[in-house]
Amino acid sequence: MAGPDSDGEPRRGRAGFAGPSPSREVRNPSEGSEVERGGRAGFAGPSPSREVRNPSHGSEVDDAREAVRALVGQFRTHLEIRGRSGLLGVSGSSKRASVDAPAISAPSSPSPSFESSELEAGVAAGDRPPAGKLRTGANGLKLLRDEIGDCQRCKLAPSRTNLVYGVGNPDAELVFVGEAPGADEDAQGEPFVGRAGQLLTKMIEAMGYRREDVYICNVLKCRPPGNRNPEPDEVSSCEPFLKRQLAALRPRVIVALGKFAAQCLLRDDTPITRLRGGFRSYEGIPLMPTLHPAYLLRDPSKKKLAWDDLKAVNAALARVGIHPPRPPAA
């Protein structure tokens, strides 16, 4: 859980949870933005035709075409996820790029692990628009948030202070999914702001990112009383919204924090200590299960394992030309 009920230790430096401090090399801000978005254009397919009949309106026409393509891709992904989860009453048969996606409707079938070539294909897959073009992650997230509204769909609603939706870059390459809000998150309406959230921030910074560069959300949007574990009916109520968040975001890689997030997304009840350390597939997207920051606060000796997982995420992104905007820790 991400609330103050978790045990822990005093806050350390950026890489304090794993090892030595990162290099203090400072890059030109203009270079950072190029590196941060590096590789996107290489994965989006061929560029649209640039024929422009009226030069004064050429860029507007191109942007409109990109917006339509992005919306169509997002809608296709959304339908695919709903079909696989049984929400449309049919089973989906399409695949994202060349990566075999797990069957979400079959809990007894664990999510497959990625081979090296499959991992690279999964990270590179997708119909994201080229860098610098109009993207629709923010639009999709806003529409979904409006649909959720003042949610009363499960028994957690009466006891919550704030619904905790998600925070970060709506066009992020990297998404972190946790379990549920804690007391601090419930009070502020933002995920991972308590002691476990402070540790997650240091983990993200050690990777070379800021919280603003990635997207952070939870399986549940409301705090369970006393920070207890989520119950099945609560997960069933919130899970469709998580799936639609991920469909709107279309990240390159997902990091599942802790057993509930990993088991919910992968339909695999294997303990997190055995799940972690290797990439799995969520709807064709590489997913790295790792230890929850609250667990790391209770057992700091396991921080190195979590850091190894995050370094593997950075390495997978780097293989397809996606690098963090700042130098990661060693």
C-alpha atoms as a PDB file:
ATOM      1  CA  MET A   1       0.000   0.000   0.000  1.00  0.00           C
ATOM      2  CA  ALA A   2       1.104   3.512  -0.570  1.00  0.00           C
ATOM      3  CA  GLY A   3      -0.079   5.027   2.715  1.00  0.00           C
ATOM      4  CA  PRO A   4       1.677   6.030   5.927  1.00  0.00           C
ATOM      5  CA  ASP A   5       0.809   2.698   7.529  1.00  0.00           C
ATOM      6  CA  SER A   6       3.783   1.128   5.729  1.00  0.00           C
ATOM      7  CA  ASP A   7       7.025   0.696   7.620  1.00  0.00           C
ATOM      8  CA  GLY A   8      10.172   2.211   6.147  1.00  0.00           C
ATOM      9  CA  GLU A   9      13.357   4.169   6.561  1.00  0.00           C
ATOM     10  CA  PRO A  10      14.494   7.802   6.150  1.00  0.00           C
ATOM     11  CA  ARG A  11      14.557   9.241   2.662  1.00  0.00           C
ATOM     12  CA  ARG A  12      17.848   8.850   0.810  1.00  0.00           C
ATOM     13  CA  GLY A  13      19.400  10.258  -2.317  1.00  0.00           C
ATOM     14  CA  ARG A  14      18.155   9.563  -5.812  1.00  0.00           C
ATOM     15  CA  ALA A  15      19.770   6.143  -6.106  1.00  0.00           C
ATOM     16  CA  GLY A  16      19.698   5.471  -2.365  1.00  0.00           C
ATOM     17  CA  PHE A  17      17.383   2.527  -2.765  1.00  0.00           C
ATOM     18  CA  ALA A  18      19.793   0.645  -5.004  1.00  0.00           C
ATOM     19  CA  GLY A  19      23.383   1.731  -5.060  1.00  0.00           C
ATOM     20  CA  PRO A  20      25.825   4.509  -5.940  1.00  0.00           C
ATOM     21  CA  SER A  21      24.742   8.044  -6.794  1.00  0.00           C
ATOM     22  CA  PRO A  22      24.237   8.802 -10.460  1.00  0.00           C
ATOM     23  CA  SER A  23      26.528  10.859 -12.585  1.00  0.00           C
ATOM     24  CA  ARG A  24      25.963  14.597 -12.302  1.00  0.00           C
ATOM     25  CA  GLU A  25      26.533  15.187 -16.006  1.00  0.00           C
ATOM     26  CA  VAL A  26      24.285  18.015 -17.166  1.00  0.00           C
ATOM     27  CA  ARG A  27      22.958  17.946 -20.686  1.00  0.00           C
ATOM     28  CA  ASN A  28      21.695  20.709 -22.856  1.00  0.00           C
ATOM     29  CA  PRO A  29      17.904  20.901 -22.248  1.00  0.00           C
ATOM     30  CA  SER A  30      17.276  20.870 -25.965  1.00  0.00           C
ATOM     31  CA  GLU A  31      19.201  17.607 -26.243  1.00  0.00           C
ATOM     32  CA  GLY A  32      17.211  16.104 -23.390  1.00  0.00           C
ATOM     33  CA  SER A  33      13.910  16.605 -25.123  1.00  0.00           C
ATOM     34  CA  GLU A  34      15.260  14.963 -28.276  1.00  0.00           C
ATOM     35  CA  VAL A  35      16.553  11.966 -26.356  1.00  0.00           C
ATOM     36  CA  GLU A  36      13.345  11.654 -24.374  1.00  0.00           C
ATOM     37  CA  ARG A  37      11.302  11.259 -27.520  1.00  0.00           C
ATOM     38  CA  GLY A  38      14.003   9.425 -29.444  1.00  0.00           C
ATOM     39  CA  GLY A  39      12.849   6.478 -31.469  1.00  0.00           C
ATOM     40  CA  ARG A  40       9.139   7.251 -31.581  1.00  0.00           C
ATOM     41  CA  ALA A  41       9.159   8.194 -35.217  1.00  0.00           C
ATOM     42  CA  GLY A  42      10.886   4.932 -36.068  1.00  0.00           C
ATOM     43  CA  PHE A  43       8.021   2.848 -34.713  1.00  0.00           C
ATOM     44  CA  ALA A  44       5.012   4.650 -36.104  1.00  0.00           C
ATOM     45  CA  GLY A  45       5.099   3.349 -39.658  1.00  0.00           C
ATOM     46  CA  PRO A  46       5.569   5.292 -42.887  1.00  0.00           C
ATOM     47  CA  SER A  47       4.968   9.017 -42.863  1.00  0.00           C
ATOM     48  CA  PRO A  48       1.706  10.254 -44.396  1.00  0.00           C
ATOM     49  CA  SER A  49       1.672  11.884 -47.777  1.00  0.00           C
ATOM     50  CA  ARG A  50       2.855  15.469 -47.689  1.00  0.00           C
ATOM     51  CA  GLU A  51       0.966  16.671 -50.748  1.00  0.00           C
ATOM     52  CA  VAL A  52      -0.461  20.095 -49.862  1.00  0.00           C
ATOM     53  CA  ARG A  53      -2.801  21.946 -52.162  1.00  0.00           C
ATOM     54  CA  ASN A  54      -2.903  25.168 -50.158  1.00  0.00           C
ATOM     55  CA  PRO A  55       0.478  26.036 -48.600  1.00  0.00           C
ATOM     56  CA  SER A  56      -1.109  28.257 -45.970  1.00  0.00           C
ATOM     57  CA  HIS A  57      -3.111  25.338 -44.597  1.00  0.00           C
ATOM     58  CA  GLY A  58      -0.706  22.446 -45.205  1.00  0.00           C
ATOM     59  CA  SER A  59       0.384  21.909 -41.588  1.00  0.00           C
ATOM     60  CA  GLU A  60      -3.218  22.018 -40.357  1.00  0.00           C
ATOM     61  CA  VAL A  61      -4.209  19.318 -42.856  1.00  0.00           C
ATOM     62  CA  ASP A  62      -1.284  17.099 -41.861  1.00  0.00           C
ATOM     63  CA  ASP A  63      -2.030  17.508 -38.157  1.00  0.00           C
ATOM     64  CA  ALA A  64      -5.683  16.661 -38.761  1.00  0.00           C
ATOM     65  CA  ARG A  65      -4.687  13.491 -40.623  1.00  0.00           C
ATOM     66  CA  GLU A  66      -2.357  12.475 -37.785  1.00  0.00           C
ATOM     67  CA  ALA A  67      -5.104  13.131 -35.240  1.00  0.00           C
ATOM     68  CA  VAL A  68      -7.556  10.920 -37.154  1.00  0.00           C
ATOM     69  CA  ARG A  69      -4.972   8.129 -37.478  1.00  0.00           C
ATOM     70  CA  ALA A  70      -4.201   8.334 -33.766  1.00  0.00           C
ATOM     71  CA  LEU A  71      -7.875   8.245 -32.818  1.00  0.00           C
ATOM     72  CA  VAL A  72      -8.499   5.230 -35.060  1.00  0.00           C
ATOM     73  CA  GLY A  73      -5.514   3.413 -33.547  1.00  0.00           C
ATOM     74  CA  GLN A  74      -6.649   4.206 -30.022  1.00  0.00           C
ATOM     75  CA  PHE A  75     -10.188   3.049 -30.754  1.00  0.00           C
ATOM     76  CA  ARG A  76      -8.890  -0.175 -32.322  1.00  0.00           C
ATOM     77  CA  THR A  77      -6.746  -0.887 -29.272  1.00  0.00           C
ATOM     78  CA  HIS A  78      -9.686  -0.141 -26.966  1.00  0.00           C
ATOM     79  CA  LEU A  79     -11.980  -2.553 -28.833  1.00  0.00           C
ATOM     80  CA  GLU A  80      -9.297  -5.225 -28.822  1.00  0.00           C
ATOM     81  CA  ILE A  81      -8.853  -4.990 -25.059  1.00  0.00           C
ATOM     82  CA  ARG A  82     -12.589  -5.045 -24.419  1.00  0.00           C
ATOM     83  CA  GLY A  83     -12.987  -8.033 -26.698  1.00  0.00           C
ATOM     84  CA  ARG A  84     -10.239  -9.993 -24.976  1.00  0.00           C
ATOM     85  CA  SER A  85     -11.643  -9.218 -21.552  1.00  0.00           C
ATOM     86  CA  GLY A  86     -15.106 -10.376 -22.601  1.00  0.00           C
ATOM     87  CA  LEU A  87     -16.685  -6.922 -22.306  1.00  0.00           C
ATOM     88  CA  LEU A  88     -17.948  -7.096 -25.905  1.00  0.00           C
ATOM     89  CA  GLY A  89     -19.175 -10.663 -25.616  1.00  0.00           C
ATOM     90  CA  VAL A  90     -16.617 -11.868 -28.156  1.00  0.00           C
ATOM     91  CA  SER A  91     -13.046 -13.042 -27.978  1.00  0.00           C
ATOM     92  CA  GLY A  92     -10.387 -10.973 -29.711  1.00  0.00           C
ATOM     93  CA  SER A  93      -8.050 -12.664 -32.140  1.00  0.00           C
ATOM     94  CA  SER A  94      -5.799  -9.820 -33.275  1.00  0.00           C
ATOM     95  CA  LYS A  95      -2.268  -9.377 -32.067  1.00  0.00           C
ATOM     96  CA  ARG A  96      -0.119  -6.332 -31.518  1.00  0.00           C
ATOM     97  CA  ALA A  97       2.895  -6.552 -33.848  1.00  0.00           C
ATOM     98  CA  SER A  98       4.614  -9.943 -33.578  1.00  0.00           C
ATOM     99  CA  VAL A  99       4.213 -10.492 -29.839  1.00  0.00           C
ATOM    100  CA  ASP A 100       1.803 -13.119 -28.592  1.00  0.00           C
ATOM    101  CA  ALA A 101      -0.561 -11.468 -26.095  1.00  0.00           C
ATOM    102  CA  PRO A 102      -1.937 -13.438 -23.127  1.00  0.00           C
ATOM    103  CA  ALA A 103      -5.583 -14.471 -23.118  1.00  0.00           C
ATOM    104  CA  ILE A 104      -7.080 -12.191 -20.472  1.00  0.00           C
ATOM    105  CA  SER A 105     -10.240 -14.277 -20.233  1.00  0.00           C
ATOM    106  CA  ALA A 106      -8.355 -17.413 -19.139  1.00  0.00           C
ATOM    107  CA  PRO A 107      -6.994 -16.973 -15.579  1.00  0.00           C
ATOM    108  CA  SER A 108      -5.581 -20.492 -15.600  1.00  0.00           C
ATOM    109  CA  SER A 109      -3.144 -19.649 -18.409  1.00  0.00           C
ATOM    110  CA  PRO A 110      -0.156 -17.652 -17.130  1.00  0.00           C
ATOM    111  CA  SER A 111       1.099 -14.763 -19.214  1.00  0.00           C
ATOM    112  CA  PRO A 112       3.974 -15.826 -21.471  1.00  0.00           C
ATOM    113  CA  SER A 113       7.496 -14.604 -20.907  1.00  0.00           C
ATOM    114  CA  PHE A 114       9.255 -12.650 -23.634  1.00  0.00           C
ATOM    115  CA  GLU A 115      12.182 -13.912 -25.601  1.00  0.00           C
ATOM    116  CA  SER A 116      14.721 -11.239 -26.569  1.00  0.00           C
ATOM    117  CA  SER A 117      13.387 -10.785 -30.102  1.00  0.00           C
ATOM    118  CA  GLU A 118       9.770 -10.760 -28.883  1.00  0.00           C
ATOM    119  CA  LEU A 119      10.609  -8.174 -26.242  1.00  0.00           C
ATOM    120  CA  GLU A 120      12.170  -5.839 -28.781  1.00  0.00           C
ATOM    121  CA  ALA A 121       9.194  -6.264 -31.095  1.00  0.00           C
ATOM    122  CA  GLY A 122       6.779  -5.619 -28.238  1.00  0.00           C
ATOM    123  CA  VAL A 123       8.523  -2.422 -27.173  1.00  0.00           C
ATOM    124  CA  ALA A 124       8.655  -1.190 -30.764  1.00  0.00           C
ATOM    125  CA  ALA A 125       5.082  -2.212 -31.593  1.00  0.00           C
ATOM    126  CA  GLY A 126       2.157   0.114 -31.693  1.00  0.00           C
ATOM    127  CA  ASP A 127       0.484   2.803 -33.733  1.00  0.00           C
ATOM    128  CA  ARG A 128       1.695   5.826 -31.762  1.00  0.00           C
ATOM    129  CA  PRO A 129       1.986   8.991 -33.876  1.00  0.00           C
ATOM    130  CA  PRO A 130       5.449  10.296 -34.782  1.00  0.00           C
ATOM    131  CA  ALA A 131       7.308  12.588 -32.395  1.00  0.00           C
ATOM    132  CA  GLY A 132       6.139  16.174 -32.596  1.00  0.00           C
ATOM    133  CA  LYS A 133       2.699  15.279 -33.953  1.00  0.00           C
ATOM    134  CA  LEU A 134      -0.656  15.547 -32.229  1.00  0.00           C
ATOM    135  CA  ARG A 135      -1.303  12.685 -29.785  1.00  0.00           C
ATOM    136  CA  THR A 136      -4.554  11.745 -28.109  1.00  0.00           C
ATOM    137  CA  GLY A 137      -3.565  10.168 -24.788  1.00  0.00           C
ATOM    138  CA  ALA A 138      -4.775  13.214 -22.881  1.00  0.00           C
ATOM    139  CA  ASN A 139      -8.109  13.188 -24.729  1.00  0.00           C
ATOM    140  CA  GLY A 140      -8.713   9.514 -24.009  1.00  0.00           C
ATOM    141  CA  LEU A 141      -7.796   9.891 -20.340  1.00  0.00           C
ATOM    142  CA  LYS A 142     -10.096  12.894 -19.939  1.00  0.00           C
ATOM    143  CA  LEU A 143     -13.031  11.143 -21.583  1.00  0.00           C
ATOM    144  CA  LEU A 144     -12.554   8.150 -19.297  1.00  0.00           C
ATOM    145  CA  ARG A 145     -12.247  10.335 -16.190  1.00  0.00           C
ATOM    146  CA  ASP A 146     -15.466  12.110 -17.137  1.00  0.00           C
ATOM    147  CA  GLU A 147     -17.178   8.745 -17.559  1.00  0.00           C
ATOM    148  CA  ILE A 148     -16.021   7.543 -14.132  1.00  0.00           C
ATOM    149  CA  GLY A 149     -17.389  10.730 -12.561  1.00  0.00           C
ATOM    150  CA  ASP A 150     -18.254  10.528  -8.864  1.00  0.00           C
ATOM    151  CA  CYS A 151     -17.994   6.757  -8.962  1.00  0.00           C
ATOM    152  CA  GLN A 152     -20.362   4.774  -6.736  1.00  0.00           C
ATOM    153  CA  ARG A 153     -19.790   1.395  -8.416  1.00  0.00           C
ATOM    154  CA  CYS A 154     -18.424  -0.481  -5.387  1.00  0.00           C
ATOM    155  CA  LYS A 155     -18.499  -0.407  -1.601  1.00  0.00           C
ATOM    156  CA  LEU A 156     -15.342   1.729  -1.336  1.00  0.00           C
ATOM    157  CA  ALA A 157     -17.092   4.906  -2.488  1.00  0.00           C
ATOM    158  CA  PRO A 158     -18.728   5.920   0.828  1.00  0.00           C
ATOM    159  CA  SER A 159     -15.450   5.826   2.773  1.00  0.00           C
ATOM    160  CA  ARG A 160     -13.176   7.605   0.319  1.00  0.00           C
ATOM    161  CA  THR A 161     -12.128  11.257   0.467  1.00  0.00           C
ATOM    162  CA  ASN A 162     -10.924  11.543  -3.138  1.00  0.00           C
ATOM    163  CA  LEU A 163     -11.006   9.310  -6.176  1.00  0.00           C
ATOM    164  CA  VAL A 164      -7.363   8.744  -7.216  1.00  0.00           C
ATOM    165  CA  TYR A 165      -7.273   8.498 -10.996  1.00  0.00           C
ATOM    166  CA  GLY A 166      -3.679   8.838 -12.231  1.00  0.00           C
ATOM    167  CA  VAL A 167      -0.930  11.387 -12.788  1.00  0.00           C
ATOM    168  CA  GLY A 168       1.883  12.085 -15.225  1.00  0.00           C
ATOM    169  CA  ASN A 169       2.567  12.383 -18.929  1.00  0.00           C
ATOM    170  CA  PRO A 170      -0.451  11.239 -20.998  1.00  0.00           C
ATOM    171  CA  ASP A 171       1.945  10.333 -23.837  1.00  0.00           C
ATOM    172  CA  ALA A 172       4.435   8.493 -21.618  1.00  0.00           C
ATOM    173  CA  GLU A 173       6.494   5.620 -23.002  1.00  0.00           C
ATOM    174  CA  LEU A 174       6.594   4.090 -19.502  1.00  0.00           C
ATOM    175  CA  VAL A 175       3.681   3.462 -17.121  1.00  0.00           C
ATOM    176  CA  PHE A 176       3.796   2.341 -13.471  1.00  0.00           C
ATOM    177  CA  VAL A 177       0.725   0.520 -12.100  1.00  0.00           C
ATOM    178  CA  GLY A 178       0.290   0.090  -8.364  1.00  0.00           C
ATOM    179  CA  GLU A 179      -2.283  -1.541  -6.127  1.00  0.00           C
ATOM    180  CA  ALA A 180      -4.544   1.045  -4.494  1.00  0.00           C
ATOM    181  CA  PRO A 181      -4.394   4.473  -2.839  1.00  0.00           C
ATOM    182  CA  GLY A 182      -3.257   4.818   0.754  1.00  0.00           C
ATOM    183  CA  ALA A 183      -4.206   7.457   3.316  1.00  0.00           C
ATOM    184  CA  ASP A 184      -2.012  10.200   1.811  1.00  0.00           C
ATOM    185  CA  GLU A 185      -3.224   9.444  -1.696  1.00  0.00           C
ATOM    186  CA  ASP A 186      -6.847   9.466  -0.558  1.00  0.00           C
ATOM    187  CA  ALA A 187      -6.309  12.867   1.079  1.00  0.00           C
ATOM    188  CA  GLN A 188      -4.533  14.448  -1.904  1.00  0.00           C
ATOM    189  CA  GLY A 189      -6.220  12.672  -4.828  1.00  0.00           C
ATOM    190  CA  GLU A 190      -2.887  11.691  -6.402  1.00  0.00           C
ATOM    191  CA  PRO A 191      -1.241   8.242  -6.549  1.00  0.00           C
ATOM    192  CA  PHE A 192       1.993   7.435  -4.704  1.00  0.00           C
ATOM    193  CA  VAL A 193       2.532  10.563  -2.610  1.00  0.00           C
ATOM    194  CA  GLY A 194       3.098   8.899   0.781  1.00  0.00           C
ATOM    195  CA  ARG A 195       6.302   7.283   2.037  1.00  0.00           C
ATOM    196  CA  ALA A 196       6.100   4.484  -0.521  1.00  0.00           C
ATOM    197  CA  GLY A 197       5.461   7.116  -3.178  1.00  0.00           C
ATOM    198  CA  GLN A 198       8.566   9.018  -2.162  1.00  0.00           C
ATOM    199  CA  LEU A 199      10.577   5.850  -2.673  1.00  0.00           C
ATOM    200  CA  LEU A 200       8.921   5.274  -6.060  1.00  0.00           C
ATOM    201  CA  THR A 201       9.910   8.819  -7.056  1.00  0.00           C
ATOM    202  CA  LYS A 202      13.548   8.031  -6.209  1.00  0.00           C
ATOM    203  CA  MET A 203      13.338   4.818  -8.219  1.00  0.00           C
ATOM    204  CA  ILE A 204      11.969   6.712 -11.225  1.00  0.00           C
ATOM    205  CA  GLU A 205      14.646   9.395 -10.882  1.00  0.00           C
ATOM    206  CA  ALA A 206      17.364   6.748 -10.667  1.00  0.00           C
ATOM    207  CA  MET A 207      16.149   5.480 -14.051  1.00  0.00           C
ATOM    208  CA  GLY A 208      16.776   8.964 -15.476  1.00  0.00           C
ATOM    209  CA  TYR A 209      13.149  10.128 -15.495  1.00  0.00           C
ATOM    210  CA  ARG A 210      10.968  12.445 -13.437  1.00  0.00           C
ATOM    211  CA  ARG A 211       7.439  11.684 -12.304  1.00  0.00           C
ATOM    212  CA  GLU A 212       6.281  14.147 -14.978  1.00  0.00           C
ATOM    213  CA  ASP A 213       7.914  12.011 -17.698  1.00  0.00           C
ATOM    214  CA  VAL A 214       6.043   8.790 -16.866  1.00  0.00           C
ATOM    215  CA  TYR A 215       2.457   7.941 -15.947  1.00  0.00           C
ATOM    216  CA  ILE A 216       1.436   6.492 -12.567  1.00  0.00           C
ATOM    217  CA  CYS A 217      -1.885   4.881 -11.660  1.00  0.00           C
ATOM    218  CA  ASN A 218      -3.387   2.084  -9.553  1.00  0.00           C
ATOM    219  CA  VAL A 219      -5.654  -0.912 -10.057  1.00  0.00           C
ATOM    220  CA  LEU A 220      -8.140   0.565  -7.560  1.00  0.00           C
ATOM    221  CA  LYS A 221      -9.114   4.238  -7.679  1.00  0.00           C
ATOM    222  CA  CYS A 222     -10.383   4.386  -4.077  1.00  0.00           C
ATOM    223  CA  ARG A 223      -8.633   3.565  -0.803  1.00  0.00           C
ATOM    224  CA  PRO A 224      -9.639   0.331   0.938  1.00  0.00           C
ATOM    225  CA  PRO A 225     -10.383   1.023   4.625  1.00  0.00           C
ATOM    226  CA  GLY A 226      -7.316   0.669   6.819  1.00  0.00           C
ATOM    227  CA  ASN A 227      -5.152   0.027   3.737  1.00  0.00           C
ATOM    228  CA  ARG A 228      -6.365  -3.564   3.632  1.00  0.00           C
ATOM    229  CA  ASN A 229      -5.848  -5.695   0.536  1.00  0.00           C
ATOM    230  CA  PRO A 230      -8.220  -5.118  -2.403  1.00  0.00           C
ATOM    231  CA  GLU A 231     -11.159  -7.514  -2.531  1.00  0.00           C
ATOM    232  CA  PRO A 232     -12.275  -9.327  -5.715  1.00  0.00           C
ATOM    233  CA  ASP A 233     -15.489  -7.347  -6.219  1.00  0.00           C
ATOM    234  CA  GLU A 234     -13.553  -4.074  -5.872  1.00  0.00           C
ATOM    235  CA  VAL A 235     -10.998  -5.182  -8.439  1.00  0.00           C
ATOM    236  CA  SER A 236     -13.806  -6.259 -10.787  1.00  0.00           C
ATOM    237  CA  SER A 237     -15.374  -2.797 -10.553  1.00  0.00           C
ATOM    238  CA  CYS A 238     -12.140  -0.882 -11.192  1.00  0.00           C
ATOM    239  CA  GLU A 239     -10.268  -3.165 -13.585  1.00  0.00           C
ATOM    240  CA  PRO A 240     -12.151  -2.108 -16.750  1.00  0.00           C
ATOM    241  CA  PHE A 241     -11.136   1.492 -16.099  1.00  0.00           C
ATOM    242  CA  LEU A 242      -7.476   0.523 -15.664  1.00  0.00           C
ATOM    243  CA  LYS A 243      -7.578  -1.347 -18.964  1.00  0.00           C
ATOM    244  CA  ARG A 244      -9.042   1.683 -20.698  1.00  0.00           C
ATOM    245  CA  GLN A 245      -6.417   3.951 -19.141  1.00  0.00           C
ATOM    246  CA  LEU A 246      -3.697   1.727 -20.590  1.00  0.00           C
ATOM    247  CA  ALA A 247      -5.484   1.637 -23.953  1.00  0.00           C
ATOM    248  CA  ALA A 248      -5.485   5.452 -24.021  1.00  0.00           C
ATOM    249  CA  LEU A 249      -1.845   5.688 -22.939  1.00  0.00           C
ATOM    250  CA  ARG A 250      -0.450   2.982 -25.266  1.00  0.00           C
ATOM    251  CA  PRO A 251       2.914   2.808 -23.440  1.00  0.00           C
ATOM    252  CA  ARG A 252       5.974   0.959 -24.692  1.00  0.00           C
ATOM    253  CA  VAL A 253       6.520  -0.766 -21.303  1.00  0.00           C
ATOM    254  CA  ILE A 254       4.431  -1.252 -18.161  1.00  0.00           C
ATOM    255  CA  VAL A 255       5.945  -1.752 -14.691  1.00  0.00           C
ATOM    256  CA  ALA A 256       3.558  -3.579 -12.320  1.00  0.00           C
ATOM    257  CA  LEU A 257       4.314  -2.675  -8.704  1.00  0.00           C
ATOM    258  CA  GLY A 258       3.547  -5.542  -6.363  1.00  0.00           C
ATOM    259  CA  LYS A 259       1.508  -8.713  -6.502  1.00  0.00           C
ATOM    260  CA  PHE A 260      -1.982  -7.255  -6.929  1.00  0.00           C
ATOM    261  CA  ALA A 261      -1.068  -5.125  -9.930  1.00  0.00           C
ATOM    262  CA  ALA A 262       0.934  -7.932 -11.552  1.00  0.00           C
ATOM    263  CA  GLN A 263      -1.665 -10.628 -10.894  1.00  0.00           C
ATOM    264  CA  CYS A 264      -4.522  -8.408 -12.079  1.00  0.00           C
ATOM    265  CA  LEU A 265      -2.866  -7.485 -15.379  1.00  0.00           C
ATOM    266  CA  LEU A 266      -1.337 -10.888 -16.080  1.00  0.00           C
ATOM    267  CA  ARG A 267      -4.109 -13.165 -14.771  1.00  0.00           C
ATOM    268  CA  ASP A 268      -1.378 -15.115 -13.007  1.00  0.00           C
ATOM    269  CA  ASP A 269      -1.421 -15.906  -9.281  1.00  0.00           C
ATOM    270  CA  THR A 270       2.291 -16.750  -9.139  1.00  0.00           C
ATOM    271  CA  PRO A 271       3.906 -14.991  -6.135  1.00  0.00           C
ATOM    272  CA  ILE A 272       5.516 -11.673  -7.034  1.00  0.00           C
ATOM    273  CA  THR A 273       8.896 -12.895  -5.797  1.00  0.00           C
ATOM    274  CA  ARG A 274       8.799 -15.441  -8.635  1.00  0.00           C
ATOM    275  CA  LEU A 275       7.073 -13.236 -11.213  1.00  0.00           C
ATOM    276  CA  ARG A 276       9.576 -10.391 -10.919  1.00  0.00           C
ATOM    277  CA  GLY A 277      12.777 -10.228 -12.914  1.00  0.00           C
ATOM    278  CA  GLY A 278      11.431 -11.151 -16.343  1.00  0.00           C
ATOM    279  CA  PHE A 279       9.211  -9.495 -18.914  1.00  0.00           C
ATOM    280  CA  ARG A 280       5.676 -10.762 -19.443  1.00  0.00           C
ATOM    281  CA  SER A 281       3.068  -9.702 -21.989  1.00  0.00           C
ATOM    282  CA  TYR A 282       0.004  -7.571 -21.330  1.00  0.00           C
ATOM    283  CA  GLU A 283      -2.002  -7.156 -24.540  1.00  0.00           C
ATOM    284  CA  GLY A 284       1.266  -7.391 -26.471  1.00  0.00           C
ATOM    285  CA  ILE A 285       2.949  -4.731 -24.307  1.00  0.00           C
ATOM    286  CA  PRO A 286       6.041  -5.853 -22.377  1.00  0.00           C
ATOM    287  CA  LEU A 287       5.270  -5.796 -18.653  1.00  0.00           C
ATOM    288  CA  MET A 288       7.891  -6.008 -15.902  1.00  0.00           C
ATOM    289  CA  PRO A 289       6.551  -7.203 -12.524  1.00  0.00           C
ATOM    290  CA  THR A 290       8.581  -5.878  -9.618  1.00  0.00           C
ATOM    291  CA  LEU A 291       8.360  -5.409  -5.859  1.00  0.00           C
ATOM    292  CA  HIS A 292       6.049  -2.740  -4.450  1.00  0.00           C
ATOM    293  CA  PRO A 293       7.825   0.257  -2.853  1.00  0.00           C
ATOM    294  CA  ALA A 294       5.909  -0.337   0.398  1.00  0.00           C
ATOM    295  CA  TYR A 295       7.420  -3.839   0.524  1.00  0.00           C
ATOM    296  CA  LEU A 296      10.871  -2.364  -0.075  1.00  0.00           C
ATOM    297  CA  LEU A 297      10.359  -0.011   2.863  1.00  0.00           C
ATOM    298  CA  ARG A 298       9.648  -3.013   5.079  1.00  0.00           C
ATOM    299  CA  ASP A 299      12.593  -4.992   3.683  1.00  0.00           C
ATOM    300  CA  PRO A 300      15.283  -2.651   2.299  1.00  0.00           C
ATOM    301  CA  SER A 301      17.518  -5.625   1.485  1.00  0.00           C
ATOM    302  CA  LYS A 302      15.281  -6.311  -1.543  1.00  0.00           C
ATOM    303  CA  LYS A 303      15.881  -2.896  -3.128  1.00  0.00           C
ATOM    304  CA  LYS A 304      18.655  -4.268  -5.330  1.00  0.00           C
ATOM    305  CA  LEU A 305      16.218  -6.757  -6.871  1.00  0.00           C
ATOM    306  CA  ALA A 306      13.813  -3.961  -7.776  1.00  0.00           C
ATOM    307  CA  TRP A 307      16.674  -1.876  -9.196  1.00  0.00           C
ATOM    308  CA  ASP A 308      17.739  -4.809 -11.375  1.00  0.00           C
ATOM    309  CA  ASP A 309      14.180  -4.938 -12.747  1.00  0.00           C
ATOM    310  CA  LEU A 310      14.181  -1.222 -13.549  1.00  0.00           C
ATOM    311  CA  LYS A 311      17.586  -1.432 -15.230  1.00  0.00           C
ATOM    312  CA  ALA A 312      16.166  -4.199 -17.434  1.00  0.00           C
ATOM    313  CA  VAL A 313      13.304  -1.861 -18.386  1.00  0.00           C
ATOM    314  CA  ASN A 314      15.757   0.872 -19.374  1.00  0.00           C
ATOM    315  CA  ALA A 315      17.790  -1.637 -21.390  1.00  0.00           C
ATOM    316  CA  ALA A 316      14.701  -2.878 -23.243  1.00  0.00           C
ATOM    317  CA  LEU A 317      13.710   0.673 -24.176  1.00  0.00           C
ATOM    318  CA  ALA A 318      17.264   1.541 -25.205  1.00  0.00           C
ATOM    319  CA  ARG A 319      17.348  -1.375 -27.657  1.00  0.00           C
ATOM    320  CA  VAL A 320      14.659   0.357 -29.699  1.00  0.00           C
ATOM    321  CA  GLY A 321      16.146   3.829 -29.374  1.00  0.00           C
ATOM    322  CA  ILE A 322      14.187   5.160 -26.371  1.00  0.00           C
ATOM    323  CA  HIS A 323      16.399   6.716 -23.683  1.00  0.00           C
ATOM    324  CA  PRO A 324      15.651   8.608 -20.473  1.00  0.00           C
ATOM    325  CA  PRO A 325      16.097  12.385 -20.630  1.00  0.00           C
ATOM    326  CA  ARG A 326      18.770  12.284 -17.917  1.00  0.00           C
ATOM    327  CA  PRO A 327      21.634   9.866 -17.217  1.00  0.00           C
ATOM    328  CA  PRO A 328      20.437   6.938 -15.090  1.00  0.00           C
ATOM    329  CA  ALA A 329      22.190   5.799 -11.943  1.00  0.00           C
ATOM    330  CA  ALA A 330      24.863   3.145 -12.255  1.00  0.00           C
END
